[in-house]
Amino acid sequence: MTLDEIQHLNKNDCPKFSVFAKNQIPMPGNKKHLDDILNREITVVDFRIRKSNKRDGTECLQMQFLLGDEVCVAFTGSSVLINQIQDAKDNIPFSGTVVKIDRYYSFS
């Protein structure tokens, strides 16, 4: 931008970063491990799926949820949970329970 354009810039017309870069802002909430919430009802309010930092070529689910009145987040590479939450994205927020079946996590 030129100096003239900058001086005549209407700040009210500028979009807020938080509106267009939602995926760049951390989800607020207390971090929980999946084992801490097993067999407890949660209310899923938001999620993101990104490339995993732990394993190349895999995805990581970041899930924001309510546990009682507490806002929490959990991270997992569980492909079952990733598939289930993608299928349920049109129903968010939803209530459910994370269970462990053998070595796999699942919503029930």
PDB file of N, CA and C in Angstrom:
ATOM      1  N   MET A   1       0.846  -1.183   0.000  1.00  0.00           N
ATOM      2  CA  MET A   1       0.000   0.000   0.000  1.00  0.00           C
ATOM      3  C   MET A   1       0.892   1.246   0.000  1.00  0.00           C
ATOM      4  N   THR A   2       0.380   2.265  -0.616  1.00  0.00           N
ATOM      5  CA  THR A   2       1.101   3.539  -0.602  1.00  0.00           C
ATOM      6  C   THR A   2       0.802   4.269   0.699  1.00  0.00           C
ATOM      7  N   LEU A   3       1.618   5.275   1.009  1.00  0.00           N
ATOM      8  CA  LEU A   3       1.370   6.076   2.217  1.00  0.00           C
ATOM      9  C   LEU A   3       0.018   6.750   2.152  1.00  0.00           C
ATOM     10  N   ASP A   4      -0.370   7.225   0.967  1.00  0.00           N
ATOM     11  CA  ASP A   4      -1.666   7.883   0.813  1.00  0.00           C
ATOM     12  C   ASP A   4      -2.807   6.904   1.106  1.00  0.00           C
ATOM     13  N   GLU A   5      -2.678   5.671   0.597  1.00  0.00           N
ATOM     14  CA  GLU A   5      -3.705   4.653   0.854  1.00  0.00           C
ATOM     15  C   GLU A   5      -3.776   4.309   2.334  1.00  0.00           C
ATOM     16  N   ILE A   6      -2.627   4.226   2.970  1.00  0.00           N
ATOM     17  CA  ILE A   6      -2.596   3.914   4.404  1.00  0.00           C
ATOM     18  C   ILE A   6      -3.235   5.028   5.215  1.00  0.00           C
ATOM     19  N   GLN A   7      -2.961   6.273   4.863  1.00  0.00           N
ATOM     20  CA  GLN A   7      -3.516   7.408   5.604  1.00  0.00           C
ATOM     21  C   GLN A   7      -5.020   7.507   5.444  1.00  0.00           C
ATOM     22  N   HIS A   8      -5.551   7.025   4.338  1.00  0.00           N
ATOM     23  CA  HIS A   8      -6.995   7.097   4.098  1.00  0.00           C
ATOM     24  C   HIS A   8      -7.713   5.782   4.394  1.00  0.00           C
ATOM     25  N   LEU A   9      -6.995   4.894   5.016  1.00  0.00           N
ATOM     26  CA  LEU A   9      -7.559   3.594   5.356  1.00  0.00           C
ATOM     27  C   LEU A   9      -8.627   3.739   6.436  1.00  0.00           C
ATOM     28  N   ASN A  10      -9.785   3.149   6.202  1.00  0.00           N
ATOM     29  CA  ASN A  10     -10.857   3.147   7.199  1.00  0.00           C
ATOM     30  C   ASN A  10     -10.707   1.867   8.023  1.00  0.00           C
ATOM     31  N   LYS A  11     -10.268   2.020   9.247  1.00  0.00           N
ATOM     32  CA  LYS A  11     -10.011   0.851  10.100  1.00  0.00           C
ATOM     33  C   LYS A  11     -11.265   0.022  10.348  1.00  0.00           C
ATOM     34  N   ASN A  12     -12.421   0.653  10.277  1.00  0.00           N
ATOM     35  CA  ASN A  12     -13.677  -0.077  10.502  1.00  0.00           C
ATOM     36  C   ASN A  12     -13.985  -1.060   9.374  1.00  0.00           C
ATOM     37  N   ASP A  13     -13.369  -0.860   8.189  1.00  0.00           N
ATOM     38  CA  ASP A  13     -13.588  -1.756   7.066  1.00  0.00           C
ATOM     39  C   ASP A  13     -12.642  -2.960   7.074  1.00  0.00           C
ATOM     40  N   CYS A  14     -11.681  -2.949   7.986  1.00  0.00           N
ATOM     41  CA  CYS A  14     -10.709  -4.042   8.061  1.00  0.00           C
ATOM     42  C   CYS A  14     -11.297  -5.201   8.861  1.00  0.00           C
ATOM     43  N   PRO A  15     -11.227  -6.410   8.315  1.00  0.00           N
ATOM     44  CA  PRO A  15     -11.727  -7.558   9.071  1.00  0.00           C
ATOM     45  C   PRO A  15     -10.826  -7.869  10.260  1.00  0.00           C
ATOM     46  N   LYS A  16     -11.404  -8.410  11.281  1.00  0.00           N
ATOM     47  CA  LYS A  16     -10.655  -8.830  12.463  1.00  0.00           C
ATOM     48  C   LYS A  16      -9.931 -10.143  12.153  1.00  0.00           C
ATOM     49  N   PHE A  17      -8.708 -10.253  12.627  1.00  0.00           N
ATOM     50  CA  PHE A  17      -7.909 -11.459  12.414  1.00  0.00           C
ATOM     51  C   PHE A  17      -8.649 -12.690  12.917  1.00  0.00           C
ATOM     52  N   SER A  18      -9.306 -12.569  14.066  1.00  0.00           N
ATOM     53  CA  SER A  18      -9.977 -13.717  14.672  1.00  0.00           C
ATOM     54  C   SER A  18     -11.132 -14.238  13.819  1.00  0.00           C
ATOM     55  N   VAL A  19     -11.639 -13.425  12.892  1.00  0.00           N
ATOM     56  CA  VAL A  19     -12.745 -13.848  12.046  1.00  0.00           C
ATOM     57  C   VAL A  19     -12.244 -14.691  10.875  1.00  0.00           C
ATOM     58  N   PHE A  20     -11.179 -14.262  10.213  1.00  0.00           N
ATOM     59  CA  PHE A  20     -10.734 -14.976   9.023  1.00  0.00           C
ATOM     60  C   PHE A  20      -9.627 -15.994   9.291  1.00  0.00           C
ATOM     61  N   ALA A  21      -9.040 -15.983  10.467  1.00  0.00           N
ATOM     62  CA  ALA A  21      -7.949 -16.906  10.768  1.00  0.00           C
ATOM     63  C   ALA A  21      -8.271 -17.756  11.992  1.00  0.00           C
ATOM     64  N   LYS A  22      -9.500 -18.216  12.069  1.00  0.00           N
ATOM     65  CA  LYS A  22      -9.953 -18.989  13.227  1.00  0.00           C
ATOM     66  C   LYS A  22      -9.043 -20.178  13.529  1.00  0.00           C
ATOM     67  N   ASN A  23      -8.564 -20.854  12.491  1.00  0.00           N
ATOM     68  CA  ASN A  23      -7.735 -22.039  12.705  1.00  0.00           C
ATOM     69  C   ASN A  23      -6.334 -21.711  13.200  1.00  0.00           C
ATOM     70  N   GLN A  24      -5.959 -20.442  13.197  1.00  0.00           N
ATOM     71  CA  GLN A  24      -4.633 -20.054  13.659  1.00  0.00           C
ATOM     72  C   GLN A  24      -4.620 -19.690  15.139  1.00  0.00           C
ATOM     73  N   ILE A  25      -5.794 -19.505  15.711  1.00  0.00           N
ATOM     74  CA  ILE A  25      -5.907 -19.106  17.108  1.00  0.00           C
ATOM     75  C   ILE A  25      -6.128 -20.361  17.951  1.00  0.00           C
ATOM     76  N   PRO A  26      -5.362 -20.534  19.028  1.00  0.00           N
ATOM     77  CA  PRO A  26      -5.541 -21.736  19.860  1.00  0.00           C
ATOM     78  C   PRO A  26      -6.960 -21.828  20.436  1.00  0.00           C
ATOM     79  N   MET A  27      -7.449 -23.037  20.523  1.00  0.00           N
ATOM     80  CA  MET A  27      -8.745 -23.259  21.163  1.00  0.00           C
ATOM     81  C   MET A  27      -8.557 -23.116  22.668  1.00  0.00           C
ATOM     82  N   PRO A  28      -9.380 -22.315  23.307  1.00  0.00           N
ATOM     83  CA  PRO A  28      -9.256 -22.212  24.756  1.00  0.00           C
ATOM     84  C   PRO A  28      -9.794 -23.459  25.445  1.00  0.00           C
ATOM     85  N   GLY A  29      -9.211 -23.776  26.584  1.00  0.00           N
ATOM     86  CA  GLY A  29      -9.685 -24.907  27.380  1.00  0.00           C
ATOM     87  C   GLY A  29      -8.541 -25.596  28.087  1.00  0.00           C
ATOM     88  N   ASN A  30      -8.883 -26.299  29.134  1.00  0.00           N
ATOM     89  CA  ASN A  30      -7.896 -27.072  29.899  1.00  0.00           C
ATOM     90  C   ASN A  30      -7.598 -28.366  29.158  1.00  0.00           C
ATOM     91  N   LYS A  31      -6.315 -28.655  28.988  1.00  0.00           N
ATOM     92  CA  LYS A  31      -5.915 -29.842  28.238  1.00  0.00           C
ATOM     93  C   LYS A  31      -6.203 -31.104  29.046  1.00  0.00           C
ATOM     94  N   LYS A  32      -6.839 -32.062  28.387  1.00  0.00           N
ATOM     95  CA  LYS A  32      -7.158 -33.355  28.994  1.00  0.00           C
ATOM     96  C   LYS A  32      -6.645 -34.469  28.091  1.00  0.00           C
ATOM     97  N   HIS A  33      -6.228 -35.561  28.671  1.00  0.00           N
ATOM     98  CA  HIS A  33      -5.896 -36.762  27.919  1.00  0.00           C
ATOM     99  C   HIS A  33      -7.181 -37.561  27.737  1.00  0.00           C
ATOM    100  N   LEU A  34      -7.277 -38.301  26.658  1.00  0.00           N
ATOM    101  CA  LEU A  34      -8.488 -39.083  26.419  1.00  0.00           C
ATOM    102  C   LEU A  34      -8.778 -40.051  27.564  1.00  0.00           C
ATOM    103  N   ASP A  35      -7.742 -40.622  28.135  1.00  0.00           N
ATOM    104  CA  ASP A  35      -7.960 -41.553  29.242  1.00  0.00           C
ATOM    105  C   ASP A  35      -8.605 -40.870  30.450  1.00  0.00           C
ATOM    106  N   ASP A  36      -8.434 -39.543  30.575  1.00  0.00           N
ATOM    107  CA  ASP A  36      -9.045 -38.798  31.689  1.00  0.00           C
ATOM    108  C   ASP A  36     -10.548 -38.611  31.516  1.00  0.00           C
ATOM    109  N   ILE A  37     -11.027 -38.747  30.278  1.00  0.00           N
ATOM    110  CA  ILE A  37     -12.451 -38.499  30.034  1.00  0.00           C
ATOM    111  C   ILE A  37     -13.198 -39.750  29.599  1.00  0.00           C
ATOM    112  N   LEU A  38     -12.525 -40.893  29.610  1.00  0.00           N
ATOM    113  CA  LEU A  38     -13.175 -42.135  29.211  1.00  0.00           C
ATOM    114  C   LEU A  38     -14.438 -42.393  30.022  1.00  0.00           C
ATOM    115  N   ASN A  39     -15.474 -42.825  29.321  1.00  0.00           N
ATOM    116  CA  ASN A  39     -16.746 -43.214  29.939  1.00  0.00           C
ATOM    117  C   ASN A  39     -17.420 -42.069  30.692  1.00  0.00           C
ATOM    118  N   ARG A  40     -17.065 -40.834  30.359  1.00  0.00           N
ATOM    119  CA  ARG A  40     -17.714 -39.664  30.957  1.00  0.00           C
ATOM    120  C   ARG A  40     -18.376 -38.881  29.832  1.00  0.00           C
ATOM    121  N   GLU A  41     -19.599 -38.424  30.058  1.00  0.00           N
ATOM    122  CA  GLU A  41     -20.301 -37.684  29.015  1.00  0.00           C
ATOM    123  C   GLU A  41     -19.664 -36.312  28.834  1.00  0.00           C
ATOM    124  N   ILE A  42     -19.418 -35.974  27.576  1.00  0.00           N
ATOM    125  CA  ILE A  42     -18.886 -34.666  27.220  1.00  0.00           C
ATOM    126  C   ILE A  42     -19.802 -34.039  26.180  1.00  0.00           C
ATOM    127  N   THR A  43     -19.695 -32.727  26.009  1.00  0.00           N
ATOM    128  CA  THR A  43     -20.405 -32.023  24.952  1.00  0.00           C
ATOM    129  C   THR A  43     -19.360 -31.434  24.020  1.00  0.00           C
ATOM    130  N   VAL A  44     -19.250 -31.982  22.820  1.00  0.00           N
ATOM    131  CA  VAL A  44     -18.283 -31.507  21.833  1.00  0.00           C
ATOM    132  C   VAL A  44     -18.816 -30.216  21.228  1.00  0.00           C
ATOM    133  N   VAL A  45     -18.000 -29.156  21.294  1.00  0.00           N
ATOM    134  CA  VAL A  45     -18.435 -27.854  20.794  1.00  0.00           C
ATOM    135  C   VAL A  45     -17.660 -27.397  19.561  1.00  0.00           C
ATOM    136  N   ASP A  46     -16.467 -27.952  19.327  1.00  0.00           N
ATOM    137  CA  ASP A  46     -15.680 -27.546  18.164  1.00  0.00           C
ATOM    138  C   ASP A  46     -14.570 -28.575  17.941  1.00  0.00           C
ATOM    139  N   PHE A  47     -14.020 -28.581  16.737  1.00  0.00           N
ATOM    140  CA  PHE A  47     -12.889 -29.466  16.462  1.00  0.00           C
ATOM    141  C   PHE A  47     -12.107 -28.941  15.272  1.00  0.00           C
ATOM    142  N   ARG A  48     -10.871 -29.403  15.174  1.00  0.00           N
ATOM    143  CA  ARG A  48      -9.994 -29.143  14.032  1.00  0.00           C
ATOM    144  C   ARG A  48      -9.228 -30.425  13.735  1.00  0.00           C
ATOM    145  N   ILE A  49      -8.937 -30.627  12.479  1.00  0.00           N
ATOM    146  CA  ILE A  49      -8.108 -31.755  12.084  1.00  0.00           C
ATOM    147  C   ILE A  49      -6.924 -31.184  11.314  1.00  0.00           C
ATOM    148  N   ARG A  50      -5.740 -31.542  11.773  1.00  0.00           N
ATOM    149  CA  ARG A  50      -4.508 -31.057  11.160  1.00  0.00           C
ATOM    150  C   ARG A  50      -3.556 -32.212  10.943  1.00  0.00           C
ATOM    151  N   LYS A  51      -2.451 -31.902  10.269  1.00  0.00           N
ATOM    152  CA  LYS A  51      -1.382 -32.896  10.150  1.00  0.00           C
ATOM    153  C   LYS A  51      -0.778 -33.107  11.526  1.00  0.00           C
ATOM    154  N   SER A  52      -0.460 -34.337  11.828  1.00  0.00           N
ATOM    155  CA  SER A  52       0.111 -34.676  13.129  1.00  0.00           C
ATOM    156  C   SER A  52       1.549 -34.174  13.233  1.00  0.00           C
ATOM    157  N   ASN A  53       1.884 -33.624  14.400  1.00  0.00           N
ATOM    158  CA  ASN A  53       3.269 -33.247  14.687  1.00  0.00           C
ATOM    159  C   ASN A  53       4.069 -34.443  15.172  1.00  0.00           C
ATOM    160  N   LYS A  54       3.383 -35.495  15.599  1.00  0.00           N
ATOM    161  CA  LYS A  54       4.041 -36.659  16.185  1.00  0.00           C
ATOM    162  C   LYS A  54       4.394 -37.729  15.155  1.00  0.00           C
ATOM    163  N   ARG A  55       3.493 -37.942  14.180  1.00  0.00           N
ATOM    164  CA  ARG A  55       3.707 -38.996  13.180  1.00  0.00           C
ATOM    165  C   ARG A  55       3.492 -38.431  11.780  1.00  0.00           C
ATOM    166  N   ASP A  56       4.520 -38.506  10.963  1.00  0.00           N
ATOM    167  CA  ASP A  56       4.411 -38.041   9.579  1.00  0.00           C
ATOM    168  C   ASP A  56       3.350 -38.835   8.832  1.00  0.00           C
ATOM    169  N   GLY A  57       2.599 -38.122   8.006  1.00  0.00           N
ATOM    170  CA  GLY A  57       1.601 -38.781   7.175  1.00  0.00           C
ATOM    171  C   GLY A  57       0.302 -39.114   7.880  1.00  0.00           C
ATOM    172  N   THR A  58       0.132 -38.662   9.129  1.00  0.00           N
ATOM    173  CA  THR A  58      -1.114 -38.929   9.850  1.00  0.00           C
ATOM    174  C   THR A  58      -1.763 -37.617  10.261  1.00  0.00           C
ATOM    175  N   GLU A  59      -2.992 -37.730  10.723  1.00  0.00           N
ATOM    176  CA  GLU A  59      -3.746 -36.559  11.151  1.00  0.00           C
ATOM    177  C   GLU A  59      -3.881 -36.533  12.670  1.00  0.00           C
ATOM    178  N   CYS A  60      -4.175 -35.338  13.176  1.00  0.00           N
ATOM    179  CA  CYS A  60      -4.417 -35.139  14.610  1.00  0.00           C
ATOM    180  C   CYS A  60      -5.735 -34.400  14.778  1.00  0.00           C
ATOM    181  N   LEU A  61      -6.555 -34.904  15.659  1.00  0.00           N
ATOM    182  CA  LEU A  61      -7.825 -34.270  16.003  1.00  0.00           C
ATOM    183  C   LEU A  61      -7.627 -33.416  17.240  1.00  0.00           C
ATOM    184  N   GLN A  62      -7.987 -32.139  17.141  1.00  0.00           N
ATOM    185  CA  GLN A  62      -8.060 -31.265  18.314  1.00  0.00           C
ATOM    186  C   GLN A  62      -9.544 -31.057  18.566  1.00  0.00           C
ATOM    187  N   MET A  63      -9.985 -31.475  19.731  1.00  0.00           N
ATOM    188  CA  MET A  63     -11.409 -31.447  20.056  1.00  0.00           C
ATOM    189  C   MET A  63     -11.632 -30.555  21.270  1.00  0.00           C
ATOM    190  N   GLN A  64     -12.559 -29.617  21.149  1.00  0.00           N
ATOM    191  CA  GLN A  64     -12.936 -28.744  22.269  1.00  0.00           C
ATOM    192  C   GLN A  64     -14.288 -29.228  22.779  1.00  0.00           C
ATOM    193  N   PHE A  65     -14.396 -29.344  24.105  1.00  0.00           N
ATOM    194  CA  PHE A  65     -15.615 -29.904  24.672  1.00  0.00           C
ATOM    195  C   PHE A  65     -15.851 -29.373  26.082  1.00  0.00           C
ATOM    196  N   LEU A  66     -17.057 -29.589  26.535  1.00  0.00           N
ATOM    197  CA  LEU A  66     -17.434 -29.287  27.917  1.00  0.00           C
ATOM    198  C   LEU A  66     -17.452 -30.585  28.699  1.00  0.00           C
ATOM    199  N   LEU A  67     -16.827 -30.557  29.854  1.00  0.00           N
ATOM    200  CA  LEU A  67     -16.871 -31.667  30.805  1.00  0.00           C
ATOM    201  C   LEU A  67     -17.486 -31.062  32.050  1.00  0.00           C
ATOM    202  N   GLY A  68     -18.786 -31.284  32.224  1.00  0.00           N
ATOM    203  CA  GLY A  68     -19.512 -30.529  33.254  1.00  0.00           C
ATOM    204  C   GLY A  68     -19.554 -29.072  32.800  1.00  0.00           C
ATOM    205  N   ASP A  69     -19.063 -28.162  33.650  1.00  0.00           N
ATOM    206  CA  ASP A  69     -19.007 -26.742  33.298  1.00  0.00           C
ATOM    207  C   ASP A  69     -17.618 -26.319  32.839  1.00  0.00           C
ATOM    208  N   GLU A  70     -16.677 -27.254  32.762  1.00  0.00           N
ATOM    209  CA  GLU A  70     -15.300 -26.937  32.416  1.00  0.00           C
ATOM    210  C   GLU A  70     -15.078 -27.061  30.899  1.00  0.00           C
ATOM    211  N   VAL A  71     -14.481 -26.028  30.316  1.00  0.00           N
ATOM    212  CA  VAL A  71     -14.118 -26.061  28.900  1.00  0.00           C
ATOM    213  C   VAL A  71     -12.760 -26.742  28.780  1.00  0.00           C
ATOM    214  N   CYS A  72     -12.684 -27.755  27.922  1.00  0.00           N
ATOM    215  CA  CYS A  72     -11.472 -28.568  27.794  1.00  0.00           C
ATOM    216  C   CYS A  72     -11.124 -28.782  26.327  1.00  0.00           C
ATOM    217  N   VAL A  73      -9.882 -29.189  26.097  1.00  0.00           N
ATOM    218  CA  VAL A  73      -9.437 -29.610  24.772  1.00  0.00           C
ATOM    219  C   VAL A  73      -8.663 -30.915  24.917  1.00  0.00           C
ATOM    220  N   ALA A  74      -8.727 -31.727  23.877  1.00  0.00           N
ATOM    221  CA  ALA A  74      -7.966 -32.979  23.843  1.00  0.00           C
ATOM    222  C   ALA A  74      -7.429 -33.164  22.428  1.00  0.00           C
ATOM    223  N   PHE A  75      -6.302 -33.824  22.343  1.00  0.00           N
ATOM    224  CA  PHE A  75      -5.643 -34.106  21.073  1.00  0.00           C
ATOM    225  C   PHE A  75      -5.517 -35.617  20.925  1.00  0.00           C
ATOM    226  N   THR A  76      -5.760 -36.102  19.701  1.00  0.00           N
ATOM    227  CA  THR A  76      -5.623 -37.530  19.454  1.00  0.00           C
ATOM    228  C   THR A  76      -5.374 -37.794  17.977  1.00  0.00           C
ATOM    229  N   GLY A  77      -4.690 -38.877  17.712  1.00  0.00           N
ATOM    230  CA  GLY A  77      -4.497 -39.340  16.347  1.00  0.00           C
ATOM    231  C   GLY A  77      -5.443 -40.474  16.000  1.00  0.00           C
ATOM    232  N   SER A  78      -6.424 -40.734  16.855  1.00  0.00           N
ATOM    233  CA  SER A  78      -7.366 -41.832  16.646  1.00  0.00           C
ATOM    234  C   SER A  78      -8.140 -41.644  15.340  1.00  0.00           C
ATOM    235  N   SER A  79      -7.888 -42.530  14.374  1.00  0.00           N
ATOM    236  CA  SER A  79      -8.586 -42.423  13.090  1.00  0.00           C
ATOM    237  C   SER A  79     -10.088 -42.691  13.249  1.00  0.00           C
ATOM    238  N   VAL A  80     -10.455 -43.522  14.213  1.00  0.00           N
ATOM    239  CA  VAL A  80     -11.881 -43.788  14.462  1.00  0.00           C
ATOM    240  C   VAL A  80     -12.571 -42.506  14.923  1.00  0.00           C
ATOM    241  N   LEU A  81     -11.990 -41.810  15.916  1.00  0.00           N
ATOM    242  CA  LEU A  81     -12.592 -40.560  16.397  1.00  0.00           C
ATOM    243  C   LEU A  81     -12.597 -39.489  15.312  1.00  0.00           C
ATOM    244  N   ILE A  82     -11.535 -39.429  14.522  1.00  0.00           N
ATOM    245  CA  ILE A  82     -11.475 -38.444  13.431  1.00  0.00           C
ATOM    246  C   ILE A  82     -12.613 -38.694  12.442  1.00  0.00           C
ATOM    247  N   ASN A  83     -12.799 -39.938  12.034  1.00  0.00           N
ATOM    248  CA  ASN A  83     -13.883 -40.254  11.100  1.00  0.00           C
ATOM    249  C   ASN A  83     -15.248 -39.980  11.705  1.00  0.00           C
ATOM    250  N   GLN A  84     -15.432 -40.353  12.965  1.00  0.00           N
ATOM    251  CA  GLN A  84     -16.736 -40.149  13.607  1.00  0.00           C
ATOM    252  C   GLN A  84     -17.072 -38.669  13.745  1.00  0.00           C
ATOM    253  N   ILE A  85     -16.081 -37.852  14.122  1.00  0.00           N
ATOM    254  CA  ILE A  85     -16.382 -36.435  14.330  1.00  0.00           C
ATOM    255  C   ILE A  85     -16.615 -35.724  12.998  1.00  0.00           C
ATOM    256  N   GLN A  86     -15.926 -36.172  11.940  1.00  0.00           N
ATOM    257  CA  GLN A  86     -16.194 -35.607  10.614  1.00  0.00           C
ATOM    258  C   GLN A  86     -17.616 -35.942  10.170  1.00  0.00           C
ATOM    259  N   ASP A  87     -18.071 -37.146  10.449  1.00  0.00           N
ATOM    260  CA  ASP A  87     -19.439 -37.539  10.105  1.00  0.00           C
ATOM    261  C   ASP A  87     -20.474 -36.764  10.908  1.00  0.00           C
ATOM    262  N   ALA A  88     -20.096 -36.337  12.116  1.00  0.00           N
ATOM    263  CA  ALA A  88     -21.033 -35.657  13.017  1.00  0.00           C
ATOM    264  C   ALA A  88     -20.930 -34.133  12.956  1.00  0.00           C
ATOM    265  N   LYS A  89     -20.086 -33.599  12.063  1.00  0.00           N
ATOM    266  CA  LYS A  89     -19.813 -32.152  12.081  1.00  0.00           C
ATOM    267  C   LYS A  89     -21.060 -31.284  11.924  1.00  0.00           C
ATOM    268  N   ASP A  90     -22.075 -31.769  11.231  1.00  0.00           N
ATOM    269  CA  ASP A  90     -23.307 -30.986  11.059  1.00  0.00           C
ATOM    270  C   ASP A  90     -24.187 -31.005  12.302  1.00  0.00           C
ATOM    271  N   ASN A  91     -23.831 -31.820  13.286  1.00  0.00           N
ATOM    272  CA  ASN A  91     -24.620 -31.924  14.520  1.00  0.00           C
ATOM    273  C   ASN A  91     -23.925 -31.307  15.724  1.00  0.00           C
ATOM    274  N   ILE A  92     -22.834 -30.592  15.501  1.00  0.00           N
ATOM    275  CA  ILE A  92     -22.103 -29.966  16.614  1.00  0.00           C
ATOM    276  C   ILE A  92     -22.858 -28.726  17.036  1.00  0.00           C
ATOM    277  N   PRO A  93     -23.048 -28.515  18.314  1.00  0.00           N
ATOM    278  CA  PRO A  93     -22.571 -29.299  19.450  1.00  0.00           C
ATOM    279  C   PRO A  93     -23.389 -30.582  19.634  1.00  0.00           C
ATOM    280  N   PHE A  94     -22.701 -31.617  20.134  1.00  0.00           N
ATOM    281  CA  PHE A  94     -23.381 -32.862  20.450  1.00  0.00           C
ATOM    282  C   PHE A  94     -22.787 -33.438  21.734  1.00  0.00           C
ATOM    283  N   SER A  95     -23.587 -34.261  22.398  1.00  0.00           N
ATOM    284  CA  SER A  95     -23.134 -34.933  23.612  1.00  0.00           C
ATOM    285  C   SER A  95     -22.795 -36.371  23.280  1.00  0.00           C
ATOM    286  N   GLY A  96     -21.767 -36.885  23.951  1.00  0.00           N
ATOM    287  CA  GLY A  96     -21.372 -38.262  23.730  1.00  0.00           C
ATOM    288  C   GLY A  96     -20.369 -38.703  24.779  1.00  0.00           C
ATOM    289  N   THR A  97     -19.982 -39.925  24.680  1.00  0.00           N
ATOM    290  CA  THR A  97     -19.028 -40.518  25.610  1.00  0.00           C
ATOM    291  C   THR A  97     -17.912 -41.161  24.802  1.00  0.00           C
ATOM    292  N   VAL A  98     -16.675 -40.904  25.193  1.00  0.00           N
ATOM    293  CA  VAL A  98     -15.544 -41.560  24.553  1.00  0.00           C
ATOM    294  C   VAL A  98     -15.283 -42.861  25.312  1.00  0.00           C
ATOM    295  N   VAL A  99     -15.271 -43.959  24.568  1.00  0.00           N
ATOM    296  CA  VAL A  99     -15.016 -45.269  25.162  1.00  0.00           C
ATOM    297  C   VAL A  99     -13.788 -45.874  24.487  1.00  0.00           C
ATOM    298  N   LYS A 100     -13.193 -46.844  25.154  1.00  0.00           N
ATOM    299  CA  LYS A 100     -12.043 -47.540  24.590  1.00  0.00           C
ATOM    300  C   LYS A 100     -12.432 -48.989  24.371  1.00  0.00           C
ATOM    301  N   ILE A 101     -12.313 -49.424  23.126  1.00  0.00           N
ATOM    302  CA  ILE A 101     -12.626 -50.804  22.761  1.00  0.00           C
ATOM    303  C   ILE A 101     -11.321 -51.420  22.276  1.00  0.00           C
ATOM    304  N   ASP A 102     -10.790 -52.338  23.057  1.00  0.00           N
ATOM    305  CA  ASP A 102      -9.451 -52.879  22.808  1.00  0.00           C
ATOM    306  C   ASP A 102      -8.458 -51.732  22.804  1.00  0.00           C
ATOM    307  N   ARG A 103      -7.826 -51.458  21.650  1.00  0.00           N
ATOM    308  CA  ARG A 103      -6.848 -50.377  21.574  1.00  0.00           C
ATOM    309  C   ARG A 103      -7.426 -49.127  20.920  1.00  0.00           C
ATOM    310  N   TYR A 104      -8.715 -49.125  20.600  1.00  0.00           N
ATOM    311  CA  TYR A 104      -9.323 -48.047  19.830  1.00  0.00           C
ATOM    312  C   TYR A 104     -10.272 -47.203  20.667  1.00  0.00           C
ATOM    313  N   TYR A 105     -10.238 -45.902  20.406  1.00  0.00           N
ATOM    314  CA  TYR A 105     -11.191 -44.977  21.020  1.00  0.00           C
ATOM    315  C   TYR A 105     -12.372 -44.797  20.075  1.00  0.00           C
ATOM    316  N   SER A 106     -13.551 -44.576  20.641  1.00  0.00           N
ATOM    317  CA  SER A 106     -14.759 -44.414  19.858  1.00  0.00           C
ATOM    318  C   SER A 106     -15.758 -43.576  20.639  1.00  0.00           C
ATOM    319  N   PHE A 107     -16.610 -42.852  19.914  1.00  0.00           N
ATOM    320  CA  PHE A 107     -17.752 -42.178  20.545  1.00  0.00           C
ATOM    321  C   PHE A 107     -18.867 -43.175  20.696  1.00  0.00           C
ATOM    322  N   SER A 108     -19.620 -43.035  21.776  1.00  0.00           N
ATOM    323  CA  SER A 108     -20.827 -43.851  21.912  1.00  0.00           C
ATOM    324  C   SER A 108     -21.935 -42.964  22.441  1.00  0.00           C
TER     325      SER A 108
END
